[in-house]
């Protein structure tokens, strides 16, 4: 059922260049569901990384700033419950992990690339448990190619990592890496050429085409491809205090197992500058969603009114409120930077899908938060990126937070997502705090999830709410040694199925840099949670020692 003219909306703004690592989340009821994942290791990573490899081939012959860092890590862990089994079934043992990895960051006048990849291999002292991994592969990369200056560009990205199947199963986010329960390997990639054009001082426009692909090892979610266009036209400097913008996007999705669906959005906006720091905004638009065989077609008009406030170069606030065909809506994006802190708060209300969220990513990137803090000290972007990566590694901070939000579903849903984060850095002390709250209300038929959930939990994903918080504090004892404590707590609730799940994890680690290329980490962790389907709980206590050598 492939469409000849499939399209996919994409962000018209430039793609962020960041490196991430990800994972997923559990609680009690008498109803049961078995969460399983496929066992195969991704075999097509080279094909998925082909767009980024092409960018590297273009860039390498040219004069460029490159930072290529291969490394090898050896970790020995003792865990009393490596598979996060119920308390009655847990079994402790030693696990040896070998992890080769590589990070690449570079840019020249034509290309910018940021990529990382790692492969973990596990050996269990008492034999591999039934639901434990043999290995774990992760990769993430993004890049941009300037084909014709100020006219044609190409963005590309690829990501592969372990993800949660359900919001109500055991969660290994940022802690236990061994269990295969409630996990699946999910791989995404996209290529997006686009044109930019200035029409003097009158207007500036962007026309973008995007093709992306999302595939999970869990066949019940399957593989999907999308193609899309996004057109933007914004007023130029000739309009002075009055501004306007036009936007049109269309996305056509072809799902291997569930056929075709599409979305189409048109928006027009006006703005008026009351003051050099304050701008009023108003928008009007029309949205069309075709859910295919699982809900038919819905459409309706939308409008909003708001403001943009930029009191200083370090502070920006954009806020709006309005209504679309599903009810009242609004948005918020606020950022602030001081000498030692970086703040960010956001709220969005959108119609979306799991595949789109995976392709775009909703996690809060610690490196992006810290980047603005290091901007004054390291004006060169390559040196700044290296400084940020070294700081995260030495302080033991999580590279990504808020990654518990996504889980597998084949349905369209309305998502209301609020996130807030703050990063702090001052000589011996550093901290990162994040909060999130998310509600997903399904719009298309639950038939699309019948294989994922089974008949007993048919309504599990009709109305799901999640909330969580994570905090990490690091103390730099001296130039080579630091200690970090990190705490994460999450809560998931299915209002439609009356299921709840809570999880908490605590990590304490001591990091020592023995030399410029040799790093050691000792970590203690405690994880506890509720299994949302069989009324049981699980706990894990573990200690690990890691030595990492840059090659």
Protein backbone atom coordinates (compact mmCIF):
# COMPACT_ATOMS: atom_id res chain seq x y z
CA UNK A 1 0.00 0.00 0.00
CA UNK A 2 2.76 2.41 -0.78
CA UNK A 3 1.82 5.83 -1.90
CA UNK A 4 3.69 7.28 -4.87
CA UNK A 5 3.74 10.71 -3.35
CA UNK A 6 4.44 10.25 0.31
CA UNK A 7 5.56 13.29 2.27
CA UNK A 8 6.77 13.99 5.84
CA UNK A 9 6.69 17.18 7.83
CA UNK A 10 9.94 18.09 9.45
CA UNK A 11 11.26 20.86 11.51
CA UNK A 12 12.08 23.81 9.34
CA UNK A 13 14.63 24.98 11.83
CA UNK A 14 18.12 23.61 11.51
CA UNK A 15 18.73 20.26 13.10
CA UNK A 16 20.42 20.32 16.48
CA UNK A 17 23.82 18.68 16.52
CA UNK A 18 23.97 16.66 19.69
CA UNK A 19 24.96 13.28 21.05
CA UNK A 20 22.52 11.26 23.13
CA UNK A 21 22.05 7.94 24.83
CA UNK A 22 18.62 6.63 25.70
CA UNK A 23 16.42 4.17 27.52
CA UNK A 24 12.66 3.63 28.97
CA UNK A 25 9.85 2.65 32.45
CA UNK A 26 6.67 -0.09 35.52
CA UNK A 27 3.41 -0.94 38.24
CA UNK A 28 0.43 -3.17 39.64
CA UNK A 29 -2.88 -4.71 38.57
CA UNK A 30 -4.30 -8.20 38.29
CA UNK A 31 -4.38 -8.10 34.53
CA UNK A 32 -1.36 -9.58 32.79
CA UNK A 33 0.65 -8.80 29.72
CA UNK A 34 3.95 -10.36 28.68
CA UNK A 35 6.39 -7.78 27.33
CA UNK A 36 8.96 -9.36 25.03
CA UNK A 37 11.48 -8.11 22.57
CA UNK A 38 13.27 -9.54 19.58
CA UNK A 39 16.75 -10.88 20.17
CA UNK A 40 18.56 -9.94 17.02
CA UNK A 41 21.31 -7.35 17.00
CA UNK A 42 20.90 -4.65 14.35
CA UNK A 43 22.70 -5.83 11.24
CA UNK A 44 22.13 -2.84 9.00
CA UNK A 45 23.84 -0.10 10.94
CA UNK A 46 26.18 0.77 8.03
CA UNK A 47 23.17 1.38 5.73
CA UNK A 48 21.49 3.60 8.29
CA UNK A 49 24.66 5.59 8.78
CA UNK A 50 25.24 6.03 5.04
CA UNK A 51 24.02 9.67 4.95
CA UNK A 52 26.46 10.63 7.71
CA UNK A 53 29.27 8.66 6.07
CA UNK A 54 28.66 10.60 2.87
CA UNK A 55 29.02 13.88 4.76
CA UNK A 56 32.34 12.67 6.21
CA UNK A 57 33.65 11.78 2.76
CA UNK A 58 32.79 15.26 1.51
CA UNK A 59 34.39 16.94 4.49
CA UNK A 60 37.62 15.01 4.96
CA UNK A 61 39.48 16.33 1.90
CA UNK A 62 38.75 19.92 2.92
CA UNK A 63 40.46 21.93 5.60
CA UNK A 64 38.49 21.29 8.79
CA UNK A 65 38.55 21.08 12.56
CA UNK A 66 38.07 17.45 13.56
CA UNK A 67 37.96 15.69 16.88
CA UNK A 68 37.89 11.89 16.53
CA UNK A 69 38.04 10.00 19.83
CA UNK A 70 38.02 6.18 19.87
CA UNK A 71 37.92 4.54 23.29
CA UNK A 72 37.73 1.17 24.99
CA UNK A 73 35.99 0.52 28.32
CA UNK A 74 36.14 -2.50 30.60
CA UNK A 75 33.51 -2.81 33.36
CA UNK A 76 33.08 -5.40 36.08
CA UNK A 77 29.67 -5.35 37.80
CA UNK A 78 28.09 -7.32 40.59
CA UNK A 79 24.29 -7.11 40.54
CA UNK A 80 21.88 -8.98 42.80
CA UNK A 81 19.17 -8.72 40.10
CA UNK A 82 20.61 -8.02 36.63
CA UNK A 83 17.33 -8.84 34.81
CA UNK A 84 15.12 -6.72 37.12
CA UNK A 85 13.07 -9.81 37.95
CA UNK A 86 10.51 -9.93 40.74
CA UNK A 87 11.92 -10.16 44.25
CA UNK A 88 11.06 -13.86 44.41
CA UNK A 89 12.97 -14.72 41.22
CA UNK A 90 16.06 -12.52 41.34
CA UNK A 91 19.52 -14.06 41.09
CA UNK A 92 22.83 -12.27 41.61
CA UNK A 93 26.06 -12.65 39.64
CA UNK A 94 29.09 -10.88 38.19
CA UNK A 95 28.93 -9.40 34.68
CA UNK A 96 31.95 -8.42 32.60
CA UNK A 97 31.38 -5.77 29.95
CA UNK A 98 33.68 -4.73 27.11
CA UNK A 99 32.67 -1.59 25.21
CA UNK A 100 34.52 -0.13 22.22
CA UNK A 101 33.25 3.34 21.31
CA UNK A 102 33.99 6.30 19.07
CA UNK A 103 33.04 9.98 19.01
CA UNK A 104 33.42 12.24 15.98
CA UNK A 105 32.92 15.99 15.89
CA UNK A 106 34.07 18.27 13.12
CA UNK A 107 33.26 21.14 10.84
CA UNK A 108 34.58 23.11 7.92
CA UNK A 109 33.06 25.68 5.60
CA UNK A 110 30.79 23.04 4.03
CA UNK A 111 30.12 20.31 6.60
CA UNK A 112 29.26 19.95 10.26
CA UNK A 113 29.13 16.45 11.81
CA UNK A 114 28.61 15.15 15.34
CA UNK A 115 28.37 11.39 15.85
CA UNK A 116 29.01 8.69 18.42
CA UNK A 117 28.69 4.90 18.53
CA UNK A 118 29.33 2.10 21.02
CA UNK A 119 28.88 -1.66 21.28
CA UNK A 120 28.72 -3.42 24.66
CA UNK A 121 29.44 -7.15 24.96
CA UNK A 122 28.41 -8.96 28.18
CA UNK A 123 29.71 -12.11 29.86
CA UNK A 124 27.81 -13.55 32.86
CA UNK A 125 29.70 -15.47 35.55
CA UNK A 126 26.79 -17.85 36.24
CA UNK A 127 25.60 -18.12 32.66
CA UNK A 128 23.36 -15.72 30.77
CA UNK A 129 19.86 -15.53 32.30
CA UNK A 130 16.93 -16.16 29.99
CA UNK A 131 15.92 -12.52 29.76
CA UNK A 132 19.39 -10.95 29.67
CA UNK A 133 21.21 -9.32 26.77
CA UNK A 134 24.30 -10.68 25.07
CA UNK A 135 25.14 -7.24 23.71
CA UNK A 136 23.88 -3.69 23.32
CA UNK A 137 24.56 -1.42 20.33
CA UNK A 138 23.97 2.33 20.37
CA UNK A 139 24.73 5.05 17.85
CA UNK A 140 23.71 8.64 17.30
CA UNK A 141 24.76 11.14 14.68
CA UNK A 142 23.69 14.33 12.97
CA UNK A 143 25.22 16.43 10.24
CA UNK A 144 24.71 19.22 7.74
CA UNK A 145 26.16 19.71 4.27
CA UNK A 146 26.25 23.10 2.57
CA UNK A 147 25.77 22.26 -1.13
CA UNK A 148 25.39 25.84 -2.40
CA UNK A 149 26.10 28.69 -0.02
CA UNK A 150 22.94 30.52 1.09
CA UNK A 151 20.78 28.37 -1.18
CA UNK A 152 20.92 24.57 -0.79
CA UNK A 153 21.70 22.41 2.26
CA UNK A 154 21.24 18.80 3.36
CA UNK A 155 20.59 17.62 6.93
CA UNK A 156 21.04 13.98 7.93
CA UNK A 157 20.73 12.06 11.16
CA UNK A 158 20.68 8.49 12.47
CA UNK A 159 20.01 6.96 15.87
CA UNK A 160 19.84 3.47 17.30
CA UNK A 161 19.26 2.55 20.94
CA UNK A 162 17.29 0.40 23.36
CA UNK A 163 13.75 1.70 24.02
CA UNK A 164 10.79 0.87 26.24
CA UNK A 165 7.97 -1.24 24.83
CA UNK A 166 5.49 -0.13 27.51
CA UNK A 167 5.28 2.67 30.07
CA UNK A 168 4.26 0.03 32.64
CA UNK A 169 7.06 -2.53 32.47
CA UNK A 170 10.48 -2.64 34.18
CA UNK A 171 12.67 0.30 33.23
CA UNK A 172 16.45 0.24 32.80
CA UNK A 173 16.80 3.96 32.06
CA UNK A 174 20.33 5.10 32.77
CA UNK A 175 20.99 2.28 35.25
CA UNK A 176 20.71 -1.44 34.53
CA UNK A 177 21.80 -2.23 30.95
CA UNK A 178 21.44 -6.01 31.04
CA UNK A 179 17.72 -6.83 31.06
CA UNK A 180 15.86 -7.46 27.82
CA UNK A 181 12.40 -7.36 29.37
CA UNK A 182 10.26 -4.46 28.13
CA UNK A 183 13.02 -3.38 25.72
CA UNK A 184 13.45 -3.30 21.96
CA UNK A 185 16.18 -1.99 19.70
CA UNK A 186 14.81 0.99 17.77
CA UNK A 187 16.60 2.56 14.81
CA UNK A 188 15.79 5.80 13.03
CA UNK A 189 17.39 7.75 10.20
CA UNK A 190 16.47 10.73 8.05
CA UNK A 191 17.76 12.74 5.09
CA UNK A 192 16.45 16.26 4.52
CA UNK A 193 17.58 18.48 1.63
CA UNK A 194 16.24 22.03 1.69
CA UNK A 195 16.43 25.33 -0.16
CA UNK A 196 16.66 28.80 1.36
CA UNK A 197 16.04 32.01 -0.53
CA UNK A 198 15.99 35.69 0.38
CA UNK A 199 13.78 38.02 -1.63
CA UNK A 200 15.73 41.16 -0.82
CA UNK A 201 14.43 42.83 2.33
CA UNK A 202 10.87 41.75 1.52
CA UNK A 203 10.86 38.10 2.68
CA UNK A 204 12.87 34.91 3.22
CA UNK A 205 11.67 31.41 2.40
CA UNK A 206 12.59 27.77 3.08
CA UNK A 207 11.42 24.70 1.18
CA UNK A 208 12.37 21.38 2.79
CA UNK A 209 11.86 17.74 1.81
CA UNK A 210 12.43 14.96 4.36
CA UNK A 211 12.51 11.20 4.11
CA UNK A 212 12.81 9.25 7.35
CA UNK A 213 12.53 5.67 8.55
CA UNK A 214 11.73 4.15 11.95
CA UNK A 215 12.17 0.44 12.68
CA UNK A 216 11.92 -1.62 15.87
CA UNK A 217 13.11 -5.15 16.46
CA UNK A 218 9.69 -5.80 18.00
CA UNK A 219 7.67 -6.88 14.95
CA UNK A 220 4.41 -5.75 16.59
CA UNK A 221 5.56 -2.16 16.08
CA UNK A 222 7.33 -2.88 12.83
CA UNK A 223 8.87 -0.59 10.26
CA UNK A 224 7.53 2.66 8.81
CA UNK A 225 8.73 5.23 6.30
CA UNK A 226 7.58 8.77 5.70
CA UNK A 227 8.12 11.50 3.15
CA UNK A 228 7.28 15.09 3.68
CA UNK A 229 7.53 18.70 2.70
CA UNK A 230 7.65 21.89 4.75
CA UNK A 231 7.37 25.37 3.29
CA UNK A 232 8.04 28.57 5.27
CA UNK A 233 7.87 32.18 4.15
CA UNK A 234 8.74 34.94 6.64
CA UNK A 235 8.65 38.72 6.35
CA UNK A 236 11.94 40.57 5.85
CA UNK A 237 13.47 43.69 7.37
CA UNK A 238 11.46 45.98 5.10
CA UNK A 239 8.38 45.36 7.24
CA UNK A 240 9.94 47.00 10.32
CA UNK A 241 7.51 46.67 13.26
CA UNK A 242 4.94 44.55 11.42
CA UNK A 243 5.81 40.95 10.60
CA UNK A 244 4.11 37.96 9.01
CA UNK A 245 4.79 34.31 8.26
CA UNK A 246 3.23 31.48 6.24
CA UNK A 247 3.83 27.78 6.90
CA UNK A 248 2.60 24.60 5.20
CA UNK A 249 3.59 21.02 6.06
CA UNK A 250 2.47 17.61 4.90
CA UNK A 251 3.50 14.16 6.09
CA UNK A 252 2.59 10.83 4.49
CA UNK A 253 3.48 7.71 6.46
CA UNK A 254 3.59 4.17 5.09
CA UNK A 255 3.57 1.56 7.85
CA UNK A 256 4.65 -1.92 6.85
CA UNK A 257 1.90 -3.59 8.90
CA UNK A 258 -0.84 -0.97 9.07
CA UNK A 259 -0.94 0.84 5.74
CA UNK A 260 -0.92 4.58 5.14
CA UNK A 261 -1.80 7.68 7.15
CA UNK A 262 -1.16 11.38 6.68
CA UNK A 263 -1.23 14.82 8.28
CA UNK A 264 -1.49 18.26 6.71
CA UNK A 265 -1.07 21.61 8.46
CA UNK A 266 -1.37 25.19 7.19
CA UNK A 267 -0.65 28.25 9.33
CA UNK A 268 -0.50 32.02 8.86
CA UNK A 269 0.83 34.43 11.48
CA UNK A 270 1.12 38.14 12.18
CA UNK A 271 3.34 39.95 14.67
CA UNK A 272 3.65 43.53 15.84
CA UNK A 273 6.61 44.98 17.73
CA UNK A 274 5.41 47.16 20.61
CA UNK A 275 8.92 47.68 21.96
CA UNK A 276 12.40 46.56 20.98
CA UNK A 277 12.03 43.74 23.55
CA UNK A 278 8.31 42.89 23.18
CA UNK A 279 6.37 41.52 20.23
CA UNK A 280 2.69 40.50 20.01
CA UNK A 281 1.75 37.49 17.89
CA UNK A 282 -1.43 35.99 16.42
CA UNK A 283 -1.87 32.88 14.24
CA UNK A 284 -4.64 31.11 12.35
CA UNK A 285 -4.55 27.78 10.57
CA UNK A 286 -6.20 24.56 9.48
CA UNK A 287 -5.20 20.95 10.28
CA UNK A 288 -6.16 17.68 8.61
CA UNK A 289 -5.34 14.20 9.97
CA UNK A 290 -6.12 10.98 8.11
CA UNK A 291 -5.69 7.94 10.38
CA UNK A 292 -6.24 5.50 7.53
CA UNK A 293 -7.94 2.24 8.48
CA UNK A 294 -7.85 3.09 12.21
CA UNK A 295 -10.08 6.12 12.60
CA UNK A 296 -10.79 7.84 9.32
CA UNK A 297 -10.27 11.55 8.83
CA UNK A 298 -10.52 14.51 11.25
CA UNK A 299 -9.91 18.19 10.58
CA UNK A 300 -10.54 21.67 11.93
CA UNK A 301 -9.39 25.26 12.27
CA UNK A 302 -6.96 26.63 14.88
CA UNK A 303 -5.96 30.03 16.24
CA UNK A 304 -3.66 31.45 18.91
CA UNK A 305 -2.53 34.75 20.39
CA UNK A 306 0.61 35.42 22.38
CA UNK A 307 3.84 37.33 22.73
CA UNK A 308 7.62 37.09 22.37
CA UNK A 309 9.73 38.84 25.00
CA UNK A 310 13.51 39.26 24.77
CA UNK A 311 14.59 41.59 27.58
CA UNK A 312 18.30 40.69 27.18
CA UNK A 313 20.48 38.63 24.87
CA UNK A 314 20.48 35.92 27.57
CA UNK A 315 16.71 35.71 28.14
CA UNK A 316 13.90 34.79 25.75
CA UNK A 317 10.23 33.95 26.36
CA UNK A 318 7.64 32.89 23.77
CA UNK A 319 4.10 32.13 24.93
CA UNK A 320 0.72 31.64 23.25
CA UNK A 321 -2.81 30.45 24.04
CA UNK A 322 -5.60 29.52 21.66
CA UNK A 323 -7.85 26.77 20.40
CA UNK A 324 -7.85 24.01 17.81
CA UNK A 325 -10.41 21.39 16.80
CA UNK A 326 -9.59 19.27 19.89
CA UNK A 327 -10.11 22.10 22.39
CA UNK A 328 -8.06 24.76 24.16
CA UNK A 329 -4.34 24.76 23.52
CA UNK A 330 -1.16 26.71 24.24
CA UNK A 331 2.61 26.75 24.01
CA UNK A 332 5.62 28.02 25.97
CA UNK A 333 9.35 28.24 25.39
CA UNK A 334 11.48 30.14 27.91
CA UNK A 335 15.28 30.18 28.16
CA UNK A 336 17.67 32.07 30.39
CA UNK A 337 21.44 31.98 30.79
CA UNK A 338 23.62 33.51 33.46
CA UNK A 339 27.32 33.14 34.11
CA UNK A 340 26.88 29.91 36.08
CA UNK A 341 23.39 28.63 35.15
CA UNK A 342 21.27 27.70 32.13
CA UNK A 343 17.47 27.47 32.42
CA UNK A 344 14.87 26.08 30.03
CA UNK A 345 11.09 25.54 30.29
CA UNK A 346 8.70 24.41 27.58
CA UNK A 347 5.11 23.31 27.02
CA UNK A 348 3.62 21.89 23.83
CA UNK A 349 0.22 20.55 22.77
CA UNK A 350 0.26 18.57 19.54
CA UNK A 351 -1.20 15.67 17.57
CA UNK A 352 1.62 13.22 16.99
CA UNK A 353 2.72 9.58 16.84
CA UNK A 354 5.34 7.47 18.57
CA UNK A 355 7.33 7.16 15.34
CA UNK A 356 7.45 10.95 14.97
CA UNK A 357 8.53 11.43 18.59
CA UNK A 358 11.31 8.88 18.18
CA UNK A 359 12.45 10.50 14.94
CA UNK A 360 12.51 13.98 16.49
CA UNK A 361 13.50 13.13 20.08
CA UNK A 362 11.97 14.72 23.18
CA UNK A 363 14.81 14.11 25.62
CA UNK A 364 16.65 16.97 27.31
CA UNK A 365 20.26 16.90 26.15
CA UNK A 366 22.68 17.66 28.99
CA UNK A 367 25.35 18.73 26.50
CA UNK A 368 23.03 21.34 24.99
CA UNK A 369 22.25 22.74 28.44
CA UNK A 370 25.93 23.03 29.31
CA UNK A 371 26.98 24.37 25.91
CA UNK A 372 25.80 27.91 26.67
CA UNK A 373 27.59 27.83 30.04
CA UNK A 374 30.91 27.10 28.32
CA UNK A 375 30.40 29.57 25.44
CA UNK A 376 32.34 32.44 27.04
CA UNK A 377 35.25 30.26 28.15
CA UNK A 378 35.45 28.25 24.90
CA UNK A 379 34.33 30.39 21.92
CA UNK A 380 35.57 27.78 19.43
CA UNK A 381 32.73 25.21 18.94
CA UNK A 382 35.04 22.20 18.56
CA UNK A 383 36.99 23.03 21.72
CA UNK A 384 33.73 23.79 23.54
CA UNK A 385 32.20 20.47 22.54
CA UNK A 386 35.25 18.61 23.83
CA UNK A 387 35.17 20.59 27.09
CA UNK A 388 31.47 19.81 27.60
CA UNK A 389 31.98 16.09 26.87
CA UNK A 390 34.93 15.93 29.27
CA UNK A 391 32.92 17.69 31.97
CA UNK A 392 29.95 15.31 31.61
CA UNK A 393 32.26 12.29 31.67
CA UNK A 394 34.32 13.47 34.65
CA UNK A 395 31.28 14.62 36.66
CA UNK A 396 29.33 11.45 35.89
CA UNK A 397 26.29 13.41 34.71
CA UNK A 398 23.62 11.68 32.60
CA UNK A 399 23.97 12.61 28.88
CA UNK A 400 20.19 12.67 28.44
CA UNK A 401 17.27 13.17 30.84
CA UNK A 402 13.52 12.89 30.39
CA UNK A 403 13.98 9.83 28.17
CA UNK A 404 11.23 7.84 29.93
CA UNK A 405 8.46 9.59 27.97
CA UNK A 406 8.21 7.42 24.86
CA UNK A 407 6.82 3.90 24.52
CA UNK A 408 5.55 1.79 21.62
CA UNK A 409 2.10 2.47 20.17
CA UNK A 410 0.86 2.48 16.58
CA UNK A 411 -1.84 5.07 17.26
CA UNK A 412 -2.16 8.81 16.74
CA UNK A 413 -2.54 10.68 20.03
CA UNK A 414 -2.82 14.17 21.44
CA UNK A 415 0.22 14.91 23.60
CA UNK A 416 0.54 17.63 26.21
CA UNK A 417 4.16 17.80 27.34
CA UNK A 418 5.72 20.12 29.91
CA UNK A 419 9.47 20.08 30.59
CA UNK A 420 11.78 22.17 32.74
CA UNK A 421 15.52 21.95 33.30
CA UNK A 422 18.36 23.85 34.88
CA UNK A 423 22.12 23.28 34.75
CA UNK A 424 24.61 24.80 37.18
CA UNK A 425 28.38 24.90 37.01
CA UNK A 426 30.80 26.74 39.29
CA UNK A 427 34.35 25.60 39.89
CA UNK A 428 33.96 22.62 42.26
CA UNK A 429 30.19 22.21 41.98
CA UNK A 430 27.88 21.19 39.14
CA UNK A 431 24.26 20.08 38.96
CA UNK A 432 21.51 19.24 36.48
CA UNK A 433 17.82 19.15 37.46
CA UNK A 434 14.97 18.20 35.11
CA UNK A 435 11.21 17.80 35.52
CA UNK A 436 8.61 16.54 33.06
CA UNK A 437 4.86 15.87 32.90
CA UNK A 438 3.22 14.23 29.91
CA UNK A 439 -0.32 13.25 28.95
CA UNK A 440 -1.22 11.18 25.88
CA UNK A 441 -4.83 10.70 24.79
CA UNK A 442 -5.31 8.34 21.85
CA UNK A 443 -7.17 9.64 18.79
CA UNK A 444 -7.11 6.67 16.41
CA UNK A 445 -8.54 3.21 17.00
CA UNK A 446 -6.96 0.81 19.50
CA UNK A 447 -7.11 -1.96 16.90
CA UNK A 448 -3.64 -0.90 15.74
CA UNK A 449 -2.26 -1.91 19.16
CA UNK A 450 -4.12 -5.20 19.52
CA UNK A 451 -0.97 -7.30 18.99
CA UNK A 452 1.13 -5.08 21.26
CA UNK A 453 -1.32 -5.18 24.17
CA UNK A 454 -3.62 -8.17 23.74
CA UNK A 455 -7.34 -8.23 24.48
CA UNK A 456 -7.11 -7.85 28.27
CA UNK A 457 -5.23 -4.55 28.07
CA UNK A 458 -6.86 -3.21 24.93
CA UNK A 459 -7.48 0.21 26.53
CA UNK A 460 -4.09 0.58 28.26
CA UNK A 461 -2.83 3.41 26.03
CA UNK A 462 -6.15 5.28 25.66
CA UNK A 463 -5.18 7.85 28.31
CA UNK A 464 -1.66 7.69 29.78
CA UNK A 465 -0.10 10.21 32.14
CA UNK A 466 3.58 10.26 33.12
CA UNK A 467 5.58 12.49 35.42
CA UNK A 468 9.15 12.41 36.61
CA UNK A 469 12.12 14.22 38.03
CA UNK A 470 15.86 13.66 37.91
CA UNK A 471 18.64 15.43 39.74
CA UNK A 472 22.40 15.01 39.55
CA UNK A 473 24.96 16.81 41.70
CA UNK A 474 28.71 16.58 41.25
CA UNK A 475 31.52 17.75 43.49
CA UNK A 476 35.01 18.23 42.10
CA UNK A 477 37.41 17.13 44.83
CA UNK A 478 40.48 18.13 42.85
CA UNK A 479 41.61 18.49 39.25
CA UNK A 480 41.41 14.72 38.68
CA UNK A 481 38.69 13.42 41.01
CA UNK A 482 34.97 14.07 41.37
CA UNK A 483 31.98 12.49 43.10
CA UNK A 484 28.40 12.45 41.81
CA UNK A 485 25.02 11.55 43.25
CA UNK A 486 22.06 11.13 40.87
CA UNK A 487 18.42 10.41 41.70
CA UNK A 488 15.53 9.69 39.31
CA UNK A 489 11.86 9.09 40.12
CA UNK A 490 9.04 8.44 37.64
CA UNK A 491 5.31 7.71 37.83
CA UNK A 492 3.09 6.31 35.07
CA UNK A 493 -0.69 6.03 35.17
CA UNK A 494 -3.20 4.60 32.71
CA UNK A 495 -6.45 6.34 33.51
CA UNK A 496 -8.31 4.18 31.04
CA UNK A 497 -7.03 0.85 32.43
CA UNK A 498 -6.58 1.91 36.11
CA UNK A 499 -2.91 0.91 36.22
CA UNK A 500 -0.09 2.70 38.04
CA UNK A 501 3.65 2.23 38.15
CA UNK A 502 6.42 3.94 40.14
CA UNK A 503 10.17 3.62 39.89
CA UNK A 504 13.15 5.20 41.62
CA UNK A 505 16.86 4.79 41.14
CA UNK A 506 19.83 6.19 43.02
CA UNK A 507 23.42 6.26 41.78
CA UNK A 508 26.61 7.23 43.58
CA UNK A 509 29.87 7.31 41.67
CA UNK A 510 33.48 8.32 42.12
CA UNK A 511 35.40 9.34 38.99
CA UNK A 512 39.17 9.57 38.73
CA UNK A 513 41.19 10.75 35.72
CA UNK A 514 44.52 8.95 35.96
CA UNK A 515 45.91 10.63 32.86
CA UNK A 516 44.70 12.60 29.87
CA UNK A 517 43.51 9.38 28.20
CA UNK A 518 42.70 7.10 31.14
CA UNK A 519 39.56 7.39 33.29
CA UNK A 520 38.24 5.23 36.13
CA UNK A 521 34.75 5.12 37.67
CA UNK A 522 33.36 3.24 40.67
CA UNK A 523 29.56 3.25 40.97
CA UNK A 524 26.96 2.09 43.48
CA UNK A 525 23.32 1.94 42.41
CA UNK A 526 19.96 1.03 43.86
CA UNK A 527 16.86 0.54 41.69
CA UNK A 528 13.33 -0.25 42.77
CA UNK A 529 10.05 -0.35 40.93
CA UNK A 530 6.61 -1.84 40.52
CA UNK A 531 5.61 -4.19 37.73
CA UNK A 532 2.35 -2.80 36.43
CA UNK A 533 0.87 -6.12 35.22
CA UNK A 534 1.42 -8.80 37.86
CA UNK A 535 1.28 -6.89 41.15
CA UNK A 536 4.94 -7.59 41.98
CA UNK A 537 7.92 -5.36 42.75
CA UNK A 538 11.57 -5.56 41.84
CA UNK A 539 14.78 -4.24 43.38
CA UNK A 540 18.40 -4.18 42.29
CA UNK A 541 21.57 -3.35 44.18
CA UNK A 542 24.77 -3.22 42.17
CA UNK A 543 28.38 -2.10 42.31
CA UNK A 544 30.61 -1.63 39.28
CA UNK A 545 34.12 -0.52 38.40
CA UNK A 546 34.99 0.85 34.96
CA UNK A 547 38.26 1.77 33.32
CA UNK A 548 38.09 3.75 30.04
CA UNK A 549 41.06 4.37 27.77
CA UNK A 550 41.03 6.83 24.89
CA UNK A 551 42.93 5.28 22.01
